[in-house]
Full PDB file with SEQRES, HELIX, SHEET, SSBOND, CRYST1, ORIGX, SCALE, CONECT and MASTER records, all heavy atoms in Angstrom:
SEQRES   1 A   29  LEU ALA GLU ARG ALA GLU VAL GLN LEU SER TYR ALA ILE          
SEQRES   2 A   29  GLY VAL ALA LYS PRO VAL SER ILE LEU VAL GLU SER PHE          
SEQRES   3 A   29  GLY THR GLY                                                  
SHEET    1 AA1 2 GLU A   6  SER A  10  0                                        
SHEET    2 AA1 2 SER A  20  GLU A  24 -1                                        
CRYST1    1.000    1.000    1.000  90.00  90.00  90.00 P 1           1          
ORIGX1      1.000000  0.000000  0.000000        0.00000                         
ORIGX2      0.000000  1.000000  0.000000        0.00000                         
ORIGX3      0.000000  0.000000  1.000000        0.00000                         
SCALE1      1.000000  0.000000  0.000000        0.00000                         
SCALE2      0.000000  1.000000  0.000000        0.00000                         
SCALE3      0.000000  0.000000  1.000000        0.00000                         
ATOM      1  N   LEU A   1      89.859  86.106  97.600  1.00  0.00           N  
ATOM      2  CA  LEU A   1      90.430  85.589  96.406  1.00  0.00           C  
ATOM      3  C   LEU A   1      89.976  84.122  96.060  1.00  0.00           C  
ATOM      4  O   LEU A   1      90.037  83.710  94.918  1.00  0.00           O  
ATOM      5  CB  LEU A   1      92.035  85.474  96.440  1.00  0.00           C  
ATOM      6  CG  LEU A   1      92.617  86.871  96.492  1.00  0.00           C  
ATOM      7  CD1 LEU A   1      94.156  86.792  96.947  1.00  0.00           C  
ATOM      8  CD2 LEU A   1      92.508  87.479  95.096  1.00  0.00           C  
ATOM      9  N   ALA A   2      89.395  83.430  97.074  1.00  0.00           N  
ATOM     10  CA  ALA A   2      88.803  82.143  96.761  1.00  0.00           C  
ATOM     11  C   ALA A   2      87.713  81.823  97.928  1.00  0.00           C  
ATOM     12  O   ALA A   2      87.904  82.380  99.035  1.00  0.00           O  
ATOM     13  CB  ALA A   2      89.791  81.094  96.808  1.00  0.00           C  
ATOM     14  N   GLU A   3      86.754  81.064  97.625  1.00  0.00           N  
ATOM     15  CA  GLU A   3      85.762  80.639  98.620  1.00  0.00           C  
ATOM     16  C   GLU A   3      86.320  79.413  99.393  1.00  0.00           C  
ATOM     17  O   GLU A   3      86.038  79.137 100.518  1.00  0.00           O  
ATOM     18  CB  GLU A   3      84.468  80.278  97.969  1.00  0.00           C  
ATOM     19  CG  GLU A   3      83.804  81.527  97.341  1.00  0.00           C  
ATOM     20  CD  GLU A   3      82.399  81.136  96.715  1.00  0.00           C  
ATOM     21  OE1 GLU A   3      81.978  79.909  96.976  1.00  0.00           O  
ATOM     22  OE2 GLU A   3      81.850  81.975  96.006  1.00  0.00           O  
ATOM     23  N   ARG A   4      87.153  78.575  98.727  1.00  0.00           N  
ATOM     24  CA  ARG A   4      87.831  77.407  99.283  1.00  0.00           C  
ATOM     25  C   ARG A   4      89.209  77.447  98.788  1.00  0.00           C  
ATOM     26  O   ARG A   4      89.491  77.662  97.594  1.00  0.00           O  
ATOM     27  CB  ARG A   4      87.075  76.167  98.826  1.00  0.00           C  
ATOM     28  CG  ARG A   4      85.643  76.017  99.284  1.00  0.00           C  
ATOM     29  CD  ARG A   4      85.020  74.871  98.444  1.00  0.00           C  
ATOM     30  NE  ARG A   4      85.578  73.647  98.656  1.00  0.00           N  
ATOM     31  CZ  ARG A   4      85.391  72.551  97.936  1.00  0.00           C  
ATOM     32  NH1 ARG A   4      84.597  72.701  96.811  1.00  0.00           N  
ATOM     33  NH2 ARG A   4      85.959  71.417  98.145  1.00  0.00           N  
ATOM     34  N   ALA A   5      90.140  77.102  99.625  1.00  0.00           N  
ATOM     35  CA  ALA A   5      91.582  77.060  99.226  1.00  0.00           C  
ATOM     36  C   ALA A   5      92.295  75.916  99.884  1.00  0.00           C  
ATOM     37  O   ALA A   5      92.139  75.824 101.188  1.00  0.00           O  
ATOM     38  CB  ALA A   5      92.307  78.367  99.468  1.00  0.00           C  
ATOM     39  N   GLU A   6      93.043  75.188  99.195  1.00  0.00           N  
ATOM     40  CA  GLU A   6      93.885  74.179  99.823  1.00  0.00           C  
ATOM     41  C   GLU A   6      95.342  74.468  99.380  1.00  0.00           C  
ATOM     42  O   GLU A   6      95.576  74.583  98.201  1.00  0.00           O  
ATOM     43  CB  GLU A   6      93.509  72.698  99.391  1.00  0.00           C  
ATOM     44  CG  GLU A   6      94.311  71.639 100.047  1.00  0.00           C  
ATOM     45  CD  GLU A   6      93.816  70.262  99.661  1.00  0.00           C  
ATOM     46  OE1 GLU A   6      94.095  69.889  98.520  1.00  0.00           O  
ATOM     47  OE2 GLU A   6      93.140  69.609 100.496  1.00  0.00           O  
ATOM     48  N   VAL A   7      96.271  74.409 100.278  1.00  0.00           N  
ATOM     49  CA  VAL A   7      97.678  74.725 100.002  1.00  0.00           C  
ATOM     50  C   VAL A   7      98.456  73.537 100.294  1.00  0.00           C  
ATOM     51  O   VAL A   7      98.406  73.055 101.429  1.00  0.00           O  
ATOM     52  CB  VAL A   7      98.149  76.016 100.742  1.00  0.00           C  
ATOM     53  CG1 VAL A   7      99.664  76.252 100.473  1.00  0.00           C  
ATOM     54  CG2 VAL A   7      97.286  77.212 100.353  1.00  0.00           C  
ATOM     55  N   GLN A   8      99.294  73.015  99.353  1.00  0.00           N  
ATOM     56  CA  GLN A   8     100.263  72.009  99.686  1.00  0.00           C  
ATOM     57  C   GLN A   8     101.672  72.550  99.597  1.00  0.00           C  
ATOM     58  O   GLN A   8     102.127  73.364  98.693  1.00  0.00           O  
ATOM     59  CB  GLN A   8     100.148  70.931  98.623  1.00  0.00           C  
ATOM     60  CG  GLN A   8     101.085  69.749  98.919  1.00  0.00           C  
ATOM     61  CD  GLN A   8     101.479  68.904  97.736  1.00  0.00           C  
ATOM     62  OE1 GLN A   8     101.884  69.339  96.721  1.00  0.00           O  
ATOM     63  NE2 GLN A   8     101.234  67.557  97.882  1.00  0.00           N  
ATOM     64  N   LEU A   9     102.476  72.239 100.663  1.00  0.00           N  
ATOM     65  CA  LEU A   9     103.876  72.532 100.762  1.00  0.00           C  
ATOM     66  C   LEU A   9     104.654  71.189 100.765  1.00  0.00           C  
ATOM     67  O   LEU A   9     104.138  70.251 101.442  1.00  0.00           O  
ATOM     68  CB  LEU A   9     104.154  73.407 101.974  1.00  0.00           C  
ATOM     69  CG  LEU A   9     103.388  74.652 102.237  1.00  0.00           C  
ATOM     70  CD1 LEU A   9     103.686  75.312 103.504  1.00  0.00           C  
ATOM     71  CD2 LEU A   9     103.545  75.608 101.040  1.00  0.00           C  
ATOM     72  N   SER A  10     105.853  71.175 100.253  1.00  0.00           N  
ATOM     73  CA  SER A  10     106.688  70.022 100.453  1.00  0.00           C  
ATOM     74  C   SER A  10     108.145  70.501 100.750  1.00  0.00           C  
ATOM     75  O   SER A  10     108.577  71.569 100.407  1.00  0.00           O  
ATOM     76  CB  SER A  10     106.709  69.079  99.206  1.00  0.00           C  
ATOM     77  OG  SER A  10     107.358  69.800  98.147  1.00  0.00           O  
ATOM     78  N   TYR A  11     108.853  69.700 101.485  1.00  0.00           N  
ATOM     79  CA  TYR A  11     110.093  70.016 102.033  1.00  0.00           C  
ATOM     80  C   TYR A  11     111.095  68.766 101.941  1.00  0.00           C  
ATOM     81  O   TYR A  11     110.671  67.675 102.016  1.00  0.00           O  
ATOM     82  CB  TYR A  11     110.030  70.477 103.483  1.00  0.00           C  
ATOM     83  CG  TYR A  11     109.380  71.790 103.717  1.00  0.00           C  
ATOM     84  CD1 TYR A  11     107.953  71.763 103.856  1.00  0.00           C  
ATOM     85  CD2 TYR A  11     110.082  72.956 103.719  1.00  0.00           C  
ATOM     86  CE1 TYR A  11     107.340  72.948 104.063  1.00  0.00           C  
ATOM     87  CE2 TYR A  11     109.388  74.199 103.979  1.00  0.00           C  
ATOM     88  CZ  TYR A  11     108.015  74.239 104.109  1.00  0.00           C  
ATOM     89  OH  TYR A  11     107.347  75.425 104.238  1.00  0.00           O  
ATOM     90  N   ALA A  12     112.394  69.123 101.802  1.00  0.00           N  
ATOM     91  CA  ALA A  12     113.442  68.098 101.933  1.00  0.00           C  
ATOM     92  C   ALA A  12     114.200  68.376 103.231  1.00  0.00           C  
ATOM     93  O   ALA A  12     114.432  69.484 103.685  1.00  0.00           O  
ATOM     94  CB  ALA A  12     114.376  68.254 100.762  1.00  0.00           C  
ATOM     95  N   ILE A  13     114.438  67.317 103.974  1.00  0.00           N  
ATOM     96  CA  ILE A  13     115.149  67.408 105.262  1.00  0.00           C  
ATOM     97  C   ILE A  13     116.454  68.136 105.052  1.00  0.00           C  
ATOM     98  O   ILE A  13     117.206  67.780 104.190  1.00  0.00           O  
ATOM     99  CB  ILE A  13     115.275  66.110 105.916  1.00  0.00           C  
ATOM    100  CG1 ILE A  13     115.706  66.224 107.357  1.00  0.00           C  
ATOM    101  CG2 ILE A  13     116.112  65.144 105.127  1.00  0.00           C  
ATOM    102  CD1 ILE A  13     115.657  64.911 108.204  1.00  0.00           C  
ATOM    103  N   GLY A  14     116.706  69.097 105.931  1.00  0.00           N  
ATOM    104  CA  GLY A  14     117.986  69.855 105.848  1.00  0.00           C  
ATOM    105  C   GLY A  14     118.014  70.995 104.833  1.00  0.00           C  
ATOM    106  O   GLY A  14     119.056  71.606 104.689  1.00  0.00           O  
ATOM    107  N   VAL A  15     116.875  71.150 104.164  1.00  0.00           N  
ATOM    108  CA  VAL A  15     116.906  72.232 103.077  1.00  0.00           C  
ATOM    109  C   VAL A  15     115.810  73.369 103.601  1.00  0.00           C  
ATOM    110  O   VAL A  15     114.727  72.945 104.035  1.00  0.00           O  
ATOM    111  CB  VAL A  15     116.424  71.642 101.771  1.00  0.00           C  
ATOM    112  CG1 VAL A  15     116.324  72.758 100.729  1.00  0.00           C  
ATOM    113  CG2 VAL A  15     117.572  70.608 101.346  1.00  0.00           C  
ATOM    114  N   ALA A  16     116.126  74.598 103.343  1.00  0.00           N  
ATOM    115  CA  ALA A  16     115.242  75.624 103.851  1.00  0.00           C  
ATOM    116  C   ALA A  16     114.085  75.862 102.970  1.00  0.00           C  
ATOM    117  O   ALA A  16     112.996  75.971 103.430  1.00  0.00           O  
ATOM    118  CB  ALA A  16     116.137  76.886 104.177  1.00  0.00           C  
ATOM    119  N   LYS A  17     114.397  76.089 101.780  1.00  0.00           N  
ATOM    120  CA  LYS A  17     113.266  76.503 100.841  1.00  0.00           C  
ATOM    121  C   LYS A  17     112.356  75.270 100.462  1.00  0.00           C  
ATOM    122  O   LYS A  17     112.805  74.179 100.335  1.00  0.00           O  
ATOM    123  CB  LYS A  17     113.919  77.032  99.569  1.00  0.00           C  
ATOM    124  CG  LYS A  17     114.630  78.355  99.734  1.00  0.00           C  
ATOM    125  CD  LYS A  17     115.198  78.832  98.420  1.00  0.00           C  
ATOM    126  CE  LYS A  17     115.912  80.158  98.564  1.00  0.00           C  
ATOM    127  NZ  LYS A  17     117.156  79.956  99.378  1.00  0.00           N  
ATOM    128  N   PRO A  18     111.005  75.519 100.408  1.00  0.00           N  
ATOM    129  CA  PRO A  18     110.073  74.511 100.087  1.00  0.00           C  
ATOM    130  C   PRO A  18     110.535  73.856  98.689  1.00  0.00           C  
ATOM    131  O   PRO A  18     110.949  74.579  97.805  1.00  0.00           O  
ATOM    132  CB  PRO A  18     108.752  75.186  99.942  1.00  0.00           C  
ATOM    133  CG  PRO A  18     108.921  76.457 100.768  1.00  0.00           C  
ATOM    134  CD  PRO A  18     110.282  76.814 100.634  1.00  0.00           C  
ATOM    135  N   VAL A  19     110.313  72.598  98.600  1.00  0.00           N  
ATOM    136  CA  VAL A  19     110.502  71.917  97.297  1.00  0.00           C  
ATOM    137  C   VAL A  19     109.429  72.312  96.304  1.00  0.00           C  
ATOM    138  O   VAL A  19     109.697  72.544  95.114  1.00  0.00           O  
ATOM    139  CB  VAL A  19     110.602  70.380  97.440  1.00  0.00           C  
ATOM    140  CG1 VAL A  19     110.633  69.673  96.086  1.00  0.00           C  
ATOM    141  CG2 VAL A  19     111.786  70.008  98.327  1.00  0.00           C  
ATOM    142  N   SER A  20     108.191  72.492  96.754  1.00  0.00           N  
ATOM    143  CA  SER A  20     107.100  72.817  95.894  1.00  0.00           C  
ATOM    144  C   SER A  20     106.043  73.573  96.726  1.00  0.00           C  
ATOM    145  O   SER A  20     105.889  73.360  97.924  1.00  0.00           O  
ATOM    146  CB  SER A  20     106.493  71.639  95.181  1.00  0.00           C  
ATOM    147  OG  SER A  20     105.792  70.777  96.091  1.00  0.00           O  
ATOM    148  N   ILE A  21     105.247  74.371  96.013  1.00  0.00           N  
ATOM    149  CA  ILE A  21     104.100  75.027  96.579  1.00  0.00           C  
ATOM    150  C   ILE A  21     102.973  74.919  95.466  1.00  0.00           C  
ATOM    151  O   ILE A  21     103.167  75.121  94.342  1.00  0.00           O  
ATOM    152  CB  ILE A  21     104.378  76.557  96.819  1.00  0.00           C  
ATOM    153  CG1 ILE A  21     105.563  76.739  97.808  1.00  0.00           C  
ATOM    154  CG2 ILE A  21     103.138  77.233  97.308  1.00  0.00           C  
ATOM    155  CD1 ILE A  21     106.055  78.178  97.944  1.00  0.00           C  
ATOM    156  N   LEU A  22     101.777  74.611  96.088  1.00  0.00           N  
ATOM    157  CA  LEU A  22     100.676  74.425  95.148  1.00  0.00           C  
ATOM    158  C   LEU A  22      99.344  74.925  95.831  1.00  0.00           C  
ATOM    159  O   LEU A  22      99.135  74.688  97.032  1.00  0.00           O  
ATOM    160  CB  LEU A  22     100.448  72.859  94.774  1.00  0.00           C  
ATOM    161  CG  LEU A  22      99.148  72.557  94.040  1.00  0.00           C  
ATOM    162  CD1 LEU A  22      99.224  73.027  92.594  1.00  0.00           C  
ATOM    163  CD2 LEU A  22      98.925  71.026  94.062  1.00  0.00           C  
ATOM    164  N   VAL A  23      98.586  75.643  95.110  1.00  0.00           N  
ATOM    165  CA  VAL A  23      97.332  76.174  95.574  1.00  0.00           C  
ATOM    166  C   VAL A  23      96.254  75.541  94.743  1.00  0.00           C  
ATOM    167  O   VAL A  23      96.241  75.589  93.494  1.00  0.00           O  
ATOM    168  CB  VAL A  23      97.201  77.663  95.493  1.00  0.00           C  
ATOM    169  CG1 VAL A  23      95.859  78.153  96.040  1.00  0.00           C  
ATOM    170  CG2 VAL A  23      98.323  78.301  96.382  1.00  0.00           C  
ATOM    171  N   GLU A  24      95.118  74.964  95.380  1.00  0.00           N  
ATOM    172  CA  GLU A  24      93.963  74.458  94.731  1.00  0.00           C  
ATOM    173  C   GLU A  24      92.759  75.180  95.226  1.00  0.00           C  
ATOM    174  O   GLU A  24      92.483  75.192  96.388  1.00  0.00           O  
ATOM    175  CB  GLU A  24      93.819  73.039  94.919  1.00  0.00           C  
ATOM    176  CG  GLU A  24      92.543  72.327  94.500  1.00  0.00           C  
ATOM    177  CD  GLU A  24      92.324  72.427  93.014  1.00  0.00           C  
ATOM    178  OE1 GLU A  24      93.048  71.839  92.215  1.00  0.00           O  
ATOM    179  OE2 GLU A  24      91.343  73.230  92.582  1.00  0.00           O  
ATOM    180  N   SER A  25      92.015  75.857  94.347  1.00  0.00           N  
ATOM    181  CA  SER A  25      90.823  76.650  94.795  1.00  0.00           C  
ATOM    182  C   SER A  25      89.513  75.950  94.384  1.00  0.00           C  
ATOM    183  O   SER A  25      88.376  76.598  94.695  1.00  0.00           O  
ATOM    184  CB  SER A  25      90.891  78.044  94.278  1.00  0.00           C  
ATOM    185  OG  SER A  25      90.759  78.002  92.872  1.00  0.00           O  
ATOM    186  N   PHE A  26      89.497  74.751  93.829  1.00  0.00           N  
ATOM    187  CA  PHE A  26      88.384  73.949  93.510  1.00  0.00           C  
ATOM    188  C   PHE A  26      87.339  74.793  92.703  1.00  0.00           C  
ATOM    189  O   PHE A  26      86.131  74.664  92.852  1.00  0.00           O  
ATOM    190  CB  PHE A  26      87.752  73.469  94.808  1.00  0.00           C  
ATOM    191  CG  PHE A  26      88.605  72.766  95.719  1.00  0.00           C  
ATOM    192  CD1 PHE A  26      89.272  73.444  96.758  1.00  0.00           C  
ATOM    193  CD2 PHE A  26      88.892  71.406  95.537  1.00  0.00           C  
ATOM    194  CE1 PHE A  26      90.174  72.746  97.696  1.00  0.00           C  
ATOM    195  CE2 PHE A  26      89.780  70.740  96.326  1.00  0.00           C  
ATOM    196  CZ  PHE A  26      90.378  71.497  97.373  1.00  0.00           C  
ATOM    197  N   GLY A  27      87.896  75.636  91.818  1.00  0.00           N  
ATOM    198  CA  GLY A  27      87.000  76.364  90.926  1.00  0.00           C  
ATOM    199  C   GLY A  27      86.316  77.626  91.489  1.00  0.00           C  
ATOM    200  O   GLY A  27      85.481  78.286  90.891  1.00  0.00           O  
ATOM    201  N   THR A  28      86.759  77.949  92.755  1.00  0.00           N  
ATOM    202  CA  THR A  28      86.093  79.052  93.403  1.00  0.00           C  
ATOM    203  C   THR A  28      87.035  80.296  93.517  1.00  0.00           C  
ATOM    204  O   THR A  28      86.638  81.349  93.985  1.00  0.00           O  
ATOM    205  CB  THR A  28      85.836  78.733  94.961  1.00  0.00           C  
ATOM    206  OG1 THR A  28      87.043  78.612  95.686  1.00  0.00           O  
ATOM    207  CG2 THR A  28      85.012  77.412  95.055  1.00  0.00           C  
ATOM    208  N   GLY A  29      88.201  80.226  92.833  1.00  0.00           N  
ATOM    209  CA  GLY A  29      89.130  81.343  92.906  1.00  0.00           C  
ATOM    210  C   GLY A  29      88.754  82.461  91.948  1.00  0.00           C  
ATOM    211  O   GLY A  29      88.134  82.209  90.846  1.00  0.00           O  
TER     212      GLY A  29                                                      
MASTER        0    0    0    0    2    0    0    6  211    1    0    3          
END                                                                             
């Protein structure tokens, strides 16, 4: 699905679900 992929996750302490999810494919997706 991509030649390069970077995934960012963020969390709040004491909270289960990620605050945010981001995928960056640098134009290779």
